[in-house]
Amino acid sequence: MSNFINVLTGMRPEDGAHAYISCTEDVIAYPYYRGAQRYVFVDTPGFSPILASQKVAFEKIAEWLAATYRETRLQFNGVIYIRRITETRRSRFERTSFRICANLIGNEAAHRVRLVTTMWDDPQDGSGLSAGVDRENRLKEEQWGSLINEGAMCERFLNTPESAWDIVHGLGVEKKESLLIQRELVDMRTPLRQTTAGMEFRESSTSLGVLLKRLYGL
């Protein structure tokens, strides 16, 4: 379970919920009631820099999304993409992971996406708020720009329940969207490797593999 869901619901956190590497290994749905309103928060595995782990995470996410859509026509009020504002390097891996996620979602559902930065309360590099704001602006202008242009919005998670619920409430509970990967796999019966996200994953994996061979002779 991610730290965001821990703080949002008050559920007991898993070991490693605050770690820099995702502790979530499977796609898990967490039902939660707030007053009379029922929510279901879905936690997914994070993409690892290791190619084999990336493939496993990508397949688990895609298979779960397809299965639930096929069985129940599951749609989403929103998708929350989380990134630590303390990360100073914009690595090739991070850019690739974001592109894969964007292609899982698709442009039609982009307005249901919240691009959330975390760890504003923990400036580990000592650079303070202004450096975090600079990083946030660069993300908006560069890496996240294409999804923002399609309607995605940026938010800050301040590690409090109030902050988490502000993000969730901003998505509302009435409007829902299916994701591109769901429509491709189920409605269009496209093989996973030929979906938009699948082709992005294959291309990025091949490029990264070539780069590793050049650097390390792997």
N, C-alpha and C. Protein backbone atom coordinates (compact mmCIF):
# COMPACT_ATOMS: atom_id res chain seq x y z
N MET A 1 0.84 -1.19 0.00
CA MET A 1 0.00 0.00 0.00
C MET A 1 0.88 1.25 0.00
N SER A 2 0.57 2.21 -0.84
CA SER A 2 1.38 3.41 -0.93
C SER A 2 1.16 4.31 0.27
N ASN A 3 2.12 5.21 0.52
CA ASN A 3 1.98 6.16 1.61
C ASN A 3 0.77 7.05 1.40
N PHE A 4 0.46 7.41 0.15
CA PHE A 4 -0.70 8.26 -0.12
C PHE A 4 -1.98 7.60 0.39
N ILE A 5 -2.18 6.31 0.10
CA ILE A 5 -3.38 5.61 0.56
C ILE A 5 -3.34 5.44 2.08
N ASN A 6 -2.16 5.20 2.64
CA ASN A 6 -2.03 5.11 4.10
C ASN A 6 -2.56 6.37 4.76
N VAL A 7 -2.08 7.51 4.29
CA VAL A 7 -2.45 8.79 4.90
C VAL A 7 -3.91 9.11 4.62
N LEU A 8 -4.37 8.80 3.43
CA LEU A 8 -5.75 9.09 3.03
C LEU A 8 -6.75 8.33 3.88
N THR A 9 -6.50 7.06 4.12
CA THR A 9 -7.49 6.19 4.76
C THR A 9 -7.21 5.90 6.23
N GLY A 10 -5.96 6.09 6.64
CA GLY A 10 -5.60 5.72 8.01
C GLY A 10 -5.37 4.23 8.17
N MET A 11 -5.38 3.49 7.06
CA MET A 11 -5.09 2.06 7.14
C MET A 11 -3.64 1.84 7.55
N ARG A 12 -3.40 0.68 8.13
CA ARG A 12 -2.05 0.37 8.59
C ARG A 12 -1.10 0.28 7.40
N PRO A 13 0.02 1.02 7.43
CA PRO A 13 0.95 0.98 6.29
C PRO A 13 1.74 -0.31 6.23
N GLU A 14 2.14 -0.68 5.02
CA GLU A 14 3.04 -1.80 4.83
C GLU A 14 4.46 -1.38 5.17
N ASP A 15 5.29 -2.34 5.47
CA ASP A 15 6.71 -2.06 5.61
C ASP A 15 7.22 -1.53 4.27
N GLY A 16 7.91 -0.39 4.33
CA GLY A 16 8.46 0.18 3.10
C GLY A 16 7.56 1.18 2.42
N ALA A 17 6.43 1.54 3.05
CA ALA A 17 5.51 2.47 2.42
C ALA A 17 6.15 3.83 2.17
N HIS A 18 7.14 4.19 2.98
CA HIS A 18 7.80 5.48 2.82
C HIS A 18 9.10 5.35 2.04
N ALA A 19 9.39 4.17 1.54
CA ALA A 19 10.68 3.95 0.88
C ALA A 19 10.72 4.57 -0.51
N TYR A 20 11.95 4.71 -1.03
CA TYR A 20 12.11 5.28 -2.35
C TYR A 20 11.77 4.29 -3.45
N ILE A 21 11.81 3.01 -3.15
CA ILE A 21 11.44 1.98 -4.12
C ILE A 21 10.06 1.46 -3.74
N SER A 22 9.19 1.31 -4.72
CA SER A 22 7.82 0.88 -4.45
C SER A 22 7.79 -0.43 -3.69
N CYS A 23 6.96 -0.48 -2.64
CA CYS A 23 6.82 -1.73 -1.87
C CYS A 23 5.64 -2.55 -2.39
N THR A 24 4.85 -2.01 -3.30
CA THR A 24 3.68 -2.71 -3.82
C THR A 24 4.09 -3.65 -4.93
N GLU A 25 3.75 -4.94 -4.78
CA GLU A 25 4.15 -5.95 -5.76
C GLU A 25 3.00 -6.39 -6.66
N ASP A 26 1.76 -6.15 -6.25
CA ASP A 26 0.60 -6.56 -7.04
C ASP A 26 -0.40 -5.41 -7.10
N VAL A 27 -1.35 -5.53 -8.01
CA VAL A 27 -2.44 -4.56 -8.08
C VAL A 27 -3.45 -4.93 -7.00
N ILE A 28 -3.73 -4.01 -6.09
CA ILE A 28 -4.61 -4.29 -4.96
C ILE A 28 -5.64 -3.18 -4.84
N ALA A 29 -6.92 -3.55 -4.71
CA ALA A 29 -8.01 -2.60 -4.52
C ALA A 29 -8.35 -2.51 -3.04
N TYR A 30 -8.48 -1.29 -2.54
CA TYR A 30 -8.80 -1.04 -1.14
C TYR A 30 -10.14 -0.31 -1.05
N PRO A 31 -11.24 -1.00 -0.71
CA PRO A 31 -12.52 -0.32 -0.49
C PRO A 31 -12.44 0.52 0.79
N TYR A 32 -13.09 1.68 0.75
CA TYR A 32 -13.05 2.57 1.92
C TYR A 32 -14.31 3.42 1.94
N TYR A 33 -14.92 3.54 3.13
CA TYR A 33 -16.11 4.38 3.28
C TYR A 33 -15.75 5.67 4.01
N ARG A 34 -16.21 6.77 3.47
CA ARG A 34 -16.10 8.07 4.13
C ARG A 34 -17.51 8.64 4.20
N GLY A 35 -18.10 8.57 5.40
CA GLY A 35 -19.51 8.88 5.53
C GLY A 35 -20.32 7.85 4.76
N ALA A 36 -21.23 8.32 3.92
CA ALA A 36 -22.06 7.41 3.13
C ALA A 36 -21.43 7.08 1.78
N GLN A 37 -20.30 7.70 1.46
CA GLN A 37 -19.68 7.52 0.15
C GLN A 37 -18.67 6.38 0.18
N ARG A 38 -18.80 5.47 -0.76
CA ARG A 38 -17.86 4.36 -0.89
C ARG A 38 -16.83 4.69 -1.96
N TYR A 39 -15.56 4.51 -1.61
CA TYR A 39 -14.46 4.69 -2.54
C TYR A 39 -13.72 3.36 -2.70
N VAL A 40 -13.10 3.17 -3.83
CA VAL A 40 -12.18 2.05 -4.01
C VAL A 40 -10.88 2.63 -4.56
N PHE A 41 -9.82 2.52 -3.77
CA PHE A 41 -8.51 3.01 -4.16
C PHE A 41 -7.67 1.83 -4.64
N VAL A 42 -7.10 1.98 -5.81
CA VAL A 42 -6.33 0.89 -6.42
C VAL A 42 -4.85 1.24 -6.41
N ASP A 43 -4.07 0.40 -5.76
CA ASP A 43 -2.63 0.59 -5.69
C ASP A 43 -1.95 -0.34 -6.69
N THR A 44 -0.95 0.16 -7.39
CA THR A 44 -0.29 -0.64 -8.42
C THR A 44 1.20 -0.75 -8.14
N PRO A 45 1.86 -1.76 -8.70
CA PRO A 45 3.32 -1.85 -8.57
C PRO A 45 3.97 -0.66 -9.27
N GLY A 46 5.08 -0.19 -8.71
CA GLY A 46 5.85 0.86 -9.36
C GLY A 46 6.81 0.25 -10.37
N PHE A 47 7.21 1.04 -11.36
CA PHE A 47 8.18 0.58 -12.34
C PHE A 47 9.58 0.66 -11.75
N SER A 48 10.29 -0.44 -11.83
CA SER A 48 11.66 -0.52 -11.34
C SER A 48 12.63 -0.24 -12.49
N PRO A 49 13.84 0.29 -12.18
CA PRO A 49 14.83 0.47 -13.25
C PRO A 49 15.29 -0.84 -13.88
N ILE A 50 15.02 -1.98 -13.24
CA ILE A 50 15.41 -3.28 -13.76
C ILE A 50 14.42 -3.72 -14.83
N LEU A 51 14.90 -4.03 -16.03
CA LEU A 51 14.02 -4.32 -17.16
C LEU A 51 13.05 -5.46 -16.86
N ALA A 52 13.53 -6.54 -16.25
CA ALA A 52 12.66 -7.68 -15.96
C ALA A 52 11.53 -7.28 -15.02
N SER A 53 11.84 -6.47 -14.01
CA SER A 53 10.82 -6.02 -13.06
C SER A 53 9.84 -5.07 -13.72
N GLN A 54 10.31 -4.23 -14.63
CA GLN A 54 9.42 -3.35 -15.39
C GLN A 54 8.39 -4.16 -16.15
N LYS A 55 8.85 -5.21 -16.81
CA LYS A 55 7.96 -6.04 -17.62
C LYS A 55 6.89 -6.69 -16.75
N VAL A 56 7.28 -7.20 -15.59
CA VAL A 56 6.33 -7.85 -14.68
C VAL A 56 5.29 -6.84 -14.21
N ALA A 57 5.75 -5.65 -13.79
CA ALA A 57 4.82 -4.63 -13.31
C ALA A 57 3.86 -4.19 -14.41
N PHE A 58 4.39 -3.97 -15.60
CA PHE A 58 3.56 -3.54 -16.73
C PHE A 58 2.49 -4.59 -17.05
N GLU A 59 2.88 -5.85 -17.09
CA GLU A 59 1.93 -6.91 -17.42
C GLU A 59 0.87 -7.07 -16.33
N LYS A 60 1.27 -6.96 -15.06
CA LYS A 60 0.30 -7.08 -13.96
C LYS A 60 -0.74 -5.97 -14.03
N ILE A 61 -0.30 -4.74 -14.26
CA ILE A 61 -1.22 -3.61 -14.33
C ILE A 61 -2.17 -3.77 -15.51
N ALA A 62 -1.62 -4.09 -16.68
CA ALA A 62 -2.45 -4.23 -17.88
C ALA A 62 -3.46 -5.36 -17.74
N GLU A 63 -3.02 -6.50 -17.21
CA GLU A 63 -3.91 -7.65 -17.07
C GLU A 63 -5.03 -7.36 -16.07
N TRP A 64 -4.72 -6.67 -14.97
CA TRP A 64 -5.75 -6.35 -13.98
C TRP A 64 -6.76 -5.39 -14.57
N LEU A 65 -6.28 -4.36 -15.26
CA LEU A 65 -7.19 -3.38 -15.87
C LEU A 65 -8.10 -4.04 -16.90
N ALA A 66 -7.54 -4.93 -17.71
CA ALA A 66 -8.34 -5.61 -18.72
C ALA A 66 -9.37 -6.54 -18.08
N ALA A 67 -8.95 -7.31 -17.08
CA ALA A 67 -9.85 -8.28 -16.46
C ALA A 67 -11.03 -7.60 -15.77
N THR A 68 -10.77 -6.54 -15.03
CA THR A 68 -11.86 -5.86 -14.32
C THR A 68 -12.78 -5.13 -15.29
N TYR A 69 -12.23 -4.62 -16.38
CA TYR A 69 -13.06 -3.96 -17.39
C TYR A 69 -13.91 -4.98 -18.13
N ARG A 70 -13.33 -6.12 -18.43
CA ARG A 70 -14.06 -7.18 -19.14
C ARG A 70 -15.22 -7.71 -18.28
N GLU A 71 -14.97 -7.86 -16.98
CA GLU A 71 -15.96 -8.48 -16.10
C GLU A 71 -17.00 -7.50 -15.60
N THR A 72 -16.59 -6.25 -15.30
CA THR A 72 -17.49 -5.30 -14.64
C THR A 72 -17.61 -3.96 -15.36
N ARG A 73 -16.89 -3.81 -16.51
CA ARG A 73 -16.82 -2.53 -17.22
C ARG A 73 -16.30 -1.43 -16.29
N LEU A 74 -15.34 -1.78 -15.47
CA LEU A 74 -14.78 -0.85 -14.49
C LEU A 74 -14.22 0.39 -15.16
N GLN A 75 -14.64 1.55 -14.68
CA GLN A 75 -14.09 2.83 -15.10
C GLN A 75 -13.58 3.57 -13.86
N PHE A 76 -12.84 4.65 -14.10
CA PHE A 76 -12.17 5.34 -13.01
C PHE A 76 -12.62 6.79 -12.89
N ASN A 77 -12.79 7.23 -11.64
CA ASN A 77 -12.98 8.66 -11.38
C ASN A 77 -11.69 9.42 -11.63
N GLY A 78 -10.57 8.77 -11.37
CA GLY A 78 -9.31 9.46 -11.59
C GLY A 78 -8.11 8.55 -11.45
N VAL A 79 -7.00 9.04 -11.96
CA VAL A 79 -5.71 8.36 -11.84
C VAL A 79 -4.74 9.34 -11.19
N ILE A 80 -4.08 8.89 -10.14
CA ILE A 80 -3.13 9.74 -9.42
C ILE A 80 -1.73 9.21 -9.66
N TYR A 81 -0.93 10.02 -10.33
CA TYR A 81 0.47 9.68 -10.63
C TYR A 81 1.35 10.45 -9.66
N ILE A 82 2.18 9.72 -8.92
CA ILE A 82 2.93 10.33 -7.82
C ILE A 82 4.43 10.36 -8.12
N ARG A 83 5.04 11.52 -7.82
CA ARG A 83 6.49 11.68 -7.99
C ARG A 83 7.04 12.51 -6.84
N ARG A 84 8.18 12.10 -6.31
CA ARG A 84 8.82 12.84 -5.21
C ARG A 84 9.45 14.12 -5.74
N ILE A 85 9.16 15.24 -5.10
CA ILE A 85 9.73 16.51 -5.54
C ILE A 85 11.21 16.61 -5.16
N THR A 86 11.66 15.72 -4.28
CA THR A 86 13.06 15.74 -3.86
C THR A 86 13.99 15.10 -4.88
N GLU A 87 13.43 14.45 -5.89
CA GLU A 87 14.27 13.84 -6.92
C GLU A 87 14.87 14.94 -7.79
N THR A 88 16.18 15.04 -7.76
CA THR A 88 16.85 16.12 -8.48
C THR A 88 17.22 15.73 -9.90
N ARG A 89 17.34 14.44 -10.16
CA ARG A 89 17.72 14.00 -11.50
C ARG A 89 16.50 13.59 -12.31
N ARG A 90 16.45 14.00 -13.56
CA ARG A 90 15.39 13.59 -14.46
C ARG A 90 15.96 12.51 -15.36
N SER A 91 15.89 11.28 -14.87
CA SER A 91 16.55 10.17 -15.55
C SER A 91 15.76 9.70 -16.76
N ARG A 92 16.46 9.00 -17.63
CA ARG A 92 15.81 8.40 -18.79
C ARG A 92 14.75 7.40 -18.34
N PHE A 93 15.03 6.66 -17.28
CA PHE A 93 14.07 5.70 -16.75
C PHE A 93 12.79 6.39 -16.30
N GLU A 94 12.91 7.50 -15.60
CA GLU A 94 11.73 8.23 -15.12
C GLU A 94 10.89 8.74 -16.29
N ARG A 95 11.54 9.27 -17.31
CA ARG A 95 10.81 9.76 -18.48
C ARG A 95 10.08 8.62 -19.18
N THR A 96 10.77 7.47 -19.29
CA THR A 96 10.17 6.31 -19.94
C THR A 96 8.97 5.81 -19.16
N SER A 97 9.09 5.72 -17.84
CA SER A 97 7.98 5.24 -17.00
C SER A 97 6.76 6.14 -17.15
N PHE A 98 7.00 7.44 -17.22
CA PHE A 98 5.88 8.36 -17.37
C PHE A 98 5.19 8.18 -18.72
N ARG A 99 5.98 8.01 -19.78
CA ARG A 99 5.39 7.82 -21.11
C ARG A 99 4.54 6.55 -21.16
N ILE A 100 5.03 5.49 -20.52
CA ILE A 100 4.26 4.24 -20.49
C ILE A 100 2.94 4.46 -19.75
N CYS A 101 2.99 5.13 -18.61
CA CYS A 101 1.77 5.41 -17.84
C CYS A 101 0.80 6.27 -18.64
N ALA A 102 1.34 7.29 -19.33
CA ALA A 102 0.49 8.16 -20.14
C ALA A 102 -0.20 7.37 -21.24
N ASN A 103 0.49 6.40 -21.81
CA ASN A 103 -0.09 5.59 -22.88
C ASN A 103 -1.04 4.52 -22.35
N LEU A 104 -0.90 4.13 -21.10
CA LEU A 104 -1.91 3.28 -20.47
C LEU A 104 -3.22 4.04 -20.33
N ILE A 105 -3.11 5.31 -19.99
CA ILE A 105 -4.29 6.15 -19.71
C ILE A 105 -4.95 6.63 -21.00
N GLY A 106 -4.17 7.23 -21.90
CA GLY A 106 -4.70 7.77 -23.15
C GLY A 106 -5.18 9.20 -23.01
N ASN A 107 -5.24 9.90 -24.12
CA ASN A 107 -5.62 11.32 -24.11
C ASN A 107 -7.06 11.56 -23.69
N GLU A 108 -7.96 10.63 -24.02
CA GLU A 108 -9.38 10.84 -23.70
C GLU A 108 -9.63 10.87 -22.20
N ALA A 109 -8.81 10.18 -21.43
CA ALA A 109 -8.98 10.15 -19.97
C ALA A 109 -8.00 11.07 -19.26
N ALA A 110 -7.23 11.85 -20.00
CA ALA A 110 -6.19 12.68 -19.39
C ALA A 110 -6.75 13.69 -18.40
N HIS A 111 -7.97 14.17 -18.64
CA HIS A 111 -8.56 15.16 -17.73
C HIS A 111 -8.91 14.55 -16.37
N ARG A 112 -8.86 13.22 -16.26
CA ARG A 112 -9.10 12.56 -14.97
C ARG A 112 -7.79 12.25 -14.24
N VAL A 113 -6.68 12.77 -14.74
CA VAL A 113 -5.36 12.49 -14.15
C VAL A 113 -4.92 13.65 -13.25
N ARG A 114 -4.35 13.29 -12.10
CA ARG A 114 -3.73 14.26 -11.22
C ARG A 114 -2.25 13.88 -11.08
N LEU A 115 -1.39 14.79 -11.47
CA LEU A 115 0.05 14.60 -11.37
C LEU A 115 0.49 15.19 -10.04
N VAL A 116 0.80 14.31 -9.10
CA VAL A 116 0.97 14.71 -7.71
C VAL A 116 2.43 14.62 -7.28
N THR A 117 2.94 15.71 -6.75
CA THR A 117 4.29 15.72 -6.20
C THR A 117 4.20 15.56 -4.68
N THR A 118 5.16 14.82 -4.13
CA THR A 118 5.17 14.52 -2.70
C THR A 118 6.48 14.98 -2.06
N MET A 119 6.55 14.79 -0.75
CA MET A 119 7.74 15.06 0.07
C MET A 119 8.09 16.55 0.12
N TRP A 120 7.08 17.39 0.01
CA TRP A 120 7.28 18.82 0.23
C TRP A 120 7.64 19.11 1.69
N ASP A 121 7.29 18.16 2.56
CA ASP A 121 7.60 18.32 3.99
C ASP A 121 8.96 17.75 4.36
N ASP A 122 9.71 17.25 3.37
CA ASP A 122 10.98 16.57 3.66
C ASP A 122 12.03 16.95 2.62
N PRO A 123 12.49 18.20 2.61
CA PRO A 123 13.49 18.62 1.63
C PRO A 123 14.87 18.08 1.97
N GLN A 124 15.11 16.80 1.60
CA GLN A 124 16.32 16.11 2.03
C GLN A 124 17.61 16.74 1.49
N ASP A 125 17.50 17.40 0.34
CA ASP A 125 18.73 17.96 -0.21
C ASP A 125 19.05 19.32 0.36
N GLY A 126 18.20 19.83 1.26
CA GLY A 126 18.48 21.10 1.92
C GLY A 126 18.29 22.32 1.02
N SER A 127 17.71 22.13 -0.16
CA SER A 127 17.60 23.23 -1.10
C SER A 127 16.37 24.09 -0.85
N GLY A 128 15.43 23.59 -0.04
CA GLY A 128 14.29 24.40 0.33
C GLY A 128 13.17 24.43 -0.69
N LEU A 129 12.16 25.24 -0.36
CA LEU A 129 10.94 25.30 -1.15
C LEU A 129 11.18 25.81 -2.56
N SER A 130 12.01 26.82 -2.71
CA SER A 130 12.19 27.42 -4.04
C SER A 130 12.74 26.42 -5.05
N ALA A 131 13.66 25.56 -4.61
CA ALA A 131 14.20 24.54 -5.52
C ALA A 131 13.11 23.54 -5.90
N GLY A 132 12.25 23.19 -4.94
CA GLY A 132 11.15 22.29 -5.24
C GLY A 132 10.19 22.90 -6.25
N VAL A 133 9.91 24.18 -6.10
CA VAL A 133 9.02 24.87 -7.05
C VAL A 133 9.65 24.88 -8.44
N ASP A 134 10.95 25.10 -8.51
CA ASP A 134 11.65 25.09 -9.80
C ASP A 134 11.52 23.72 -10.47
N ARG A 135 11.71 22.65 -9.69
CA ARG A 135 11.59 21.30 -10.24
C ARG A 135 10.17 21.04 -10.71
N GLU A 136 9.20 21.48 -9.92
CA GLU A 136 7.80 21.31 -10.29
C GLU A 136 7.50 22.01 -11.61
N ASN A 137 7.99 23.23 -11.77
CA ASN A 137 7.75 23.98 -13.01
C ASN A 137 8.40 23.30 -14.21
N ARG A 138 9.59 22.72 -14.01
CA ARG A 138 10.25 22.02 -15.12
C ARG A 138 9.46 20.78 -15.52
N LEU A 139 8.94 20.07 -14.52
CA LEU A 139 8.11 18.89 -14.82
C LEU A 139 6.89 19.29 -15.64
N LYS A 140 6.23 20.38 -15.24
CA LYS A 140 5.04 20.84 -15.95
C LYS A 140 5.36 21.22 -17.39
N GLU A 141 6.49 21.88 -17.58
CA GLU A 141 6.84 22.38 -18.90
C GLU A 141 7.41 21.31 -19.81
N GLU A 142 8.10 20.34 -19.22
CA GLU A 142 8.82 19.37 -20.05
C GLU A 142 8.17 17.98 -19.97
N GLN A 143 8.52 17.21 -18.97
CA GLN A 143 8.10 15.81 -18.93
C GLN A 143 6.60 15.63 -18.90
N TRP A 144 5.88 16.44 -18.16
CA TRP A 144 4.44 16.28 -18.00
C TRP A 144 3.63 17.11 -18.99
N GLY A 145 4.30 17.91 -19.79
CA GLY A 145 3.62 18.89 -20.63
C GLY A 145 2.56 18.31 -21.54
N SER A 146 2.86 17.18 -22.18
CA SER A 146 1.91 16.62 -23.16
C SER A 146 0.61 16.20 -22.49
N LEU A 147 0.69 15.59 -21.30
CA LEU A 147 -0.53 15.14 -20.61
C LEU A 147 -1.30 16.34 -20.05
N ILE A 148 -0.57 17.36 -19.58
CA ILE A 148 -1.23 18.57 -19.09
C ILE A 148 -1.99 19.25 -20.22
N ASN A 149 -1.41 19.27 -21.40
CA ASN A 149 -2.09 19.87 -22.55
C ASN A 149 -3.39 19.16 -22.89
N GLU A 150 -3.52 17.89 -22.49
CA GLU A 150 -4.74 17.12 -22.74
C GLU A 150 -5.73 17.21 -21.58
N GLY A 151 -5.36 17.96 -20.52
CA GLY A 151 -6.31 18.17 -19.43
C GLY A 151 -5.89 17.70 -18.06
N ALA A 152 -4.74 17.03 -17.93
CA ALA A 152 -4.26 16.59 -16.61
C ALA A 152 -3.93 17.81 -15.76
N MET A 153 -4.04 17.66 -14.45
CA MET A 153 -3.76 18.76 -13.52
C MET A 153 -2.70 18.36 -12.51
N CYS A 154 -1.95 19.34 -12.04
CA CYS A 154 -0.89 19.10 -11.05
C CYS A 154 -1.38 19.45 -9.65
N GLU A 155 -0.97 18.64 -8.68
CA GLU A 155 -1.33 18.86 -7.29
C GLU A 155 -0.11 18.58 -6.41
N ARG A 156 -0.15 19.12 -5.19
CA ARG A 156 0.88 18.82 -4.19
C ARG A 156 0.26 18.04 -3.04
N PHE A 157 0.90 16.94 -2.67
CA PHE A 157 0.48 16.15 -1.51
C PHE A 157 1.40 16.53 -0.35
N LEU A 158 0.80 17.07 0.72
CA LEU A 158 1.57 17.58 1.84
C LEU A 158 1.66 16.60 3.00
N ASN A 159 1.38 15.34 2.71
CA ASN A 159 1.51 14.25 3.69
C ASN A 159 0.53 14.39 4.86
N THR A 160 -0.64 14.95 4.58
CA THR A 160 -1.70 15.05 5.59
C THR A 160 -2.98 14.48 5.00
N PRO A 161 -3.88 13.98 5.85
CA PRO A 161 -5.16 13.49 5.32
C PRO A 161 -5.94 14.57 4.56
N GLU A 162 -5.89 15.81 5.07
CA GLU A 162 -6.61 16.90 4.43
C GLU A 162 -6.11 17.12 3.01
N SER A 163 -4.79 17.10 2.85
CA SER A 163 -4.21 17.29 1.52
C SER A 163 -4.60 16.16 0.59
N ALA A 164 -4.55 14.93 1.08
CA ALA A 164 -4.91 13.78 0.25
C ALA A 164 -6.37 13.84 -0.18
N TRP A 165 -7.26 14.17 0.74
CA TRP A 165 -8.69 14.22 0.41
C TRP A 165 -9.02 15.39 -0.51
N ASP A 166 -8.28 16.48 -0.40
CA ASP A 166 -8.49 17.59 -1.35
C ASP A 166 -8.25 17.12 -2.78
N ILE A 167 -7.21 16.30 -2.96
CA ILE A 167 -6.90 15.77 -4.30
C ILE A 167 -8.00 14.84 -4.77
N VAL A 168 -8.45 13.93 -3.91
CA VAL A 168 -9.50 12.98 -4.27
C VAL A 168 -10.82 13.71 -4.56
N HIS A 169 -11.20 14.64 -3.68
CA HIS A 169 -12.46 15.35 -3.88
C HIS A 169 -12.43 16.19 -5.15
N GLY A 170 -11.26 16.66 -5.54
CA GLY A 170 -11.14 17.43 -6.77
C GLY A 170 -11.48 16.62 -8.01
N LEU A 171 -11.39 15.31 -7.90
CA LEU A 171 -11.74 14.43 -9.02
C LEU A 171 -13.25 14.16 -9.10
N GLY A 172 -13.95 14.39 -7.99
CA GLY A 172 -15.38 14.14 -7.97
C GLY A 172 -15.71 12.66 -7.92
N VAL A 173 -16.99 12.35 -7.89
CA VAL A 173 -17.42 10.95 -7.83
C VAL A 173 -18.39 10.59 -8.95
N GLU A 174 -18.78 11.56 -9.76
CA GLU A 174 -19.79 11.31 -10.78
C GLU A 174 -19.18 10.90 -12.12
N LYS A 175 -18.20 11.64 -12.59
CA LYS A 175 -17.64 11.40 -13.92
C LYS A 175 -16.60 10.29 -13.85
N LYS A 176 -16.70 9.36 -14.79
CA LYS A 176 -15.77 8.24 -14.86
C LYS A 176 -15.33 8.03 -16.30
N GLU A 177 -14.14 7.47 -16.45
CA GLU A 177 -13.60 7.20 -17.78
C GLU A 177 -12.93 5.82 -17.79
N SER A 178 -13.04 5.14 -18.91
CA SER A 178 -12.21 3.96 -19.11
C SER A 178 -10.85 4.42 -19.61
N LEU A 179 -9.85 3.59 -19.44
CA LEU A 179 -8.51 3.93 -19.87
C LEU A 179 -8.25 3.33 -21.26
N LEU A 180 -7.31 3.92 -21.96
CA LEU A 180 -7.00 3.48 -23.31
C LEU A 180 -6.62 2.00 -23.34
N ILE A 181 -5.81 1.56 -22.39
CA ILE A 181 -5.36 0.16 -22.38
C ILE A 181 -6.55 -0.79 -22.21
N GLN A 182 -7.57 -0.38 -21.46
CA GLN A 182 -8.76 -1.21 -21.29
C GLN A 182 -9.52 -1.36 -22.61
N ARG A 183 -9.71 -0.25 -23.29
CA ARG A 183 -10.45 -0.29 -24.56
C ARG A 183 -9.68 -1.07 -25.62
N GLU A 184 -8.37 -0.90 -25.64
CA GLU A 184 -7.57 -1.61 -26.64
C GLU A 184 -7.59 -3.11 -26.40
N LEU A 185 -7.39 -3.53 -25.15
CA LEU A 185 -7.30 -4.96 -24.86
C LEU A 185 -8.66 -5.66 -24.94
N VAL A 186 -9.73 -4.99 -24.51
CA VAL A 186 -11.03 -5.65 -24.40
C VAL A 186 -11.93 -5.32 -25.60
N ASP A 187 -12.17 -4.03 -25.83
CA ASP A 187 -13.09 -3.65 -26.90
C ASP A 187 -12.51 -3.92 -28.29
N MET A 188 -11.23 -3.60 -28.47
CA MET A 188 -10.60 -3.78 -29.78
C MET A 188 -9.86 -5.11 -29.92
N ARG A 189 -9.71 -5.82 -28.78
CA ARG A 189 -9.03 -7.12 -28.75
C ARG A 189 -7.61 -7.04 -29.33
N THR A 190 -6.93 -5.98 -28.97
CA THR A 190 -5.55 -5.78 -29.41
C THR A 190 -4.61 -6.56 -28.51
N PRO A 191 -3.67 -7.33 -29.04
CA PRO A 191 -2.67 -8.00 -28.18
C PRO A 191 -1.89 -6.96 -27.38
N LEU A 192 -1.50 -7.32 -26.17
CA LEU A 192 -0.83 -6.37 -25.28
C LEU A 192 0.39 -5.73 -25.92
N ARG A 193 1.19 -6.51 -26.61
CA ARG A 193 2.42 -5.98 -27.19
C ARG A 193 2.13 -4.99 -28.32
N GLN A 194 0.89 -5.02 -28.87
CA GLN A 194 0.53 -4.11 -29.96
C GLN A 194 -0.30 -2.92 -29.50
N THR A 195 -0.59 -2.84 -28.19
CA THR A 195 -1.29 -1.66 -27.68
C THR A 195 -0.35 -0.46 -27.70
N THR A 196 -0.91 0.72 -27.51
CA THR A 196 -0.10 1.94 -27.50
C THR A 196 0.95 1.88 -26.40
N ALA A 197 0.55 1.47 -25.21
CA ALA A 197 1.50 1.35 -24.10
C ALA A 197 2.47 0.21 -24.33
N GLY A 198 1.98 -0.89 -24.90
CA GLY A 198 2.85 -2.04 -25.17
C GLY A 198 3.96 -1.70 -26.15
N MET A 199 3.62 -0.96 -27.19
CA MET A 199 4.64 -0.57 -28.16
C MET A 199 5.63 0.42 -27.55
N GLU A 200 5.14 1.32 -26.70
CA GLU A 200 6.03 2.25 -25.99
C GLU A 200 6.98 1.48 -25.09
N PHE A 201 6.44 0.48 -24.39
CA PHE A 201 7.28 -0.32 -23.49
C PHE A 201 8.35 -1.08 -24.26
N ARG A 202 7.97 -1.70 -25.36
CA ARG A 202 8.92 -2.46 -26.18
C ARG A 202 10.01 -1.55 -26.72
N GLU A 203 9.62 -0.39 -27.22
CA GLU A 203 10.60 0.54 -27.79
C GLU A 203 11.56 1.05 -26.73
N SER A 204 11.02 1.43 -25.57
CA SER A 204 11.88 1.97 -24.50
C SER A 204 12.77 0.89 -23.92
N SER A 205 12.26 -0.34 -23.80
CA SER A 205 13.06 -1.44 -23.27
C SER A 205 14.22 -1.77 -24.20
N THR A 206 13.94 -1.76 -25.52
CA THR A 206 15.00 -2.02 -26.50
C THR A 206 16.06 -0.94 -26.45
N SER A 207 15.63 0.33 -26.37
CA SER A 207 16.57 1.45 -26.33
C SER A 207 17.43 1.40 -25.08
N LEU A 208 16.80 1.09 -23.93
CA LEU A 208 17.55 1.02 -22.69
C LEU A 208 18.51 -0.16 -22.70
N GLY A 209 18.08 -1.29 -23.26
CA GLY A 209 18.96 -2.44 -23.34
C GLY A 209 20.19 -2.15 -24.19
N VAL A 210 20.00 -1.45 -25.31
CA VAL A 210 21.13 -1.07 -26.16
C VAL A 210 22.07 -0.14 -25.41
N LEU A 211 21.50 0.81 -24.67
CA LEU A 211 22.33 1.75 -23.91
C LEU A 211 23.17 1.02 -22.86
N LEU A 212 22.57 0.05 -22.15
CA LEU A 212 23.30 -0.70 -21.14
C LEU A 212 24.45 -1.50 -21.76
N LYS A 213 24.19 -2.06 -22.94
CA LYS A 213 25.26 -2.80 -23.63
C LYS A 213 26.41 -1.89 -23.98
N ARG A 214 26.08 -0.68 -24.44
CA ARG A 214 27.14 0.25 -24.80
C ARG A 214 27.94 0.70 -23.59
N LEU A 215 27.25 0.89 -22.47
CA LEU A 215 27.92 1.41 -21.27
C LEU A 215 28.69 0.33 -20.53
N TYR A 216 28.10 -0.84 -20.41
CA TYR A 216 28.65 -1.87 -19.53
C TYR A 216 29.01 -3.15 -20.25
N GLY A 217 28.75 -3.24 -21.53
CA GLY A 217 29.07 -4.46 -22.27
C GLY A 217 28.20 -5.63 -21.88
N LEU A 218 26.95 -5.34 -21.45
CA LEU A 218 26.06 -6.42 -21.02
C LEU A 218 25.52 -7.19 -22.21
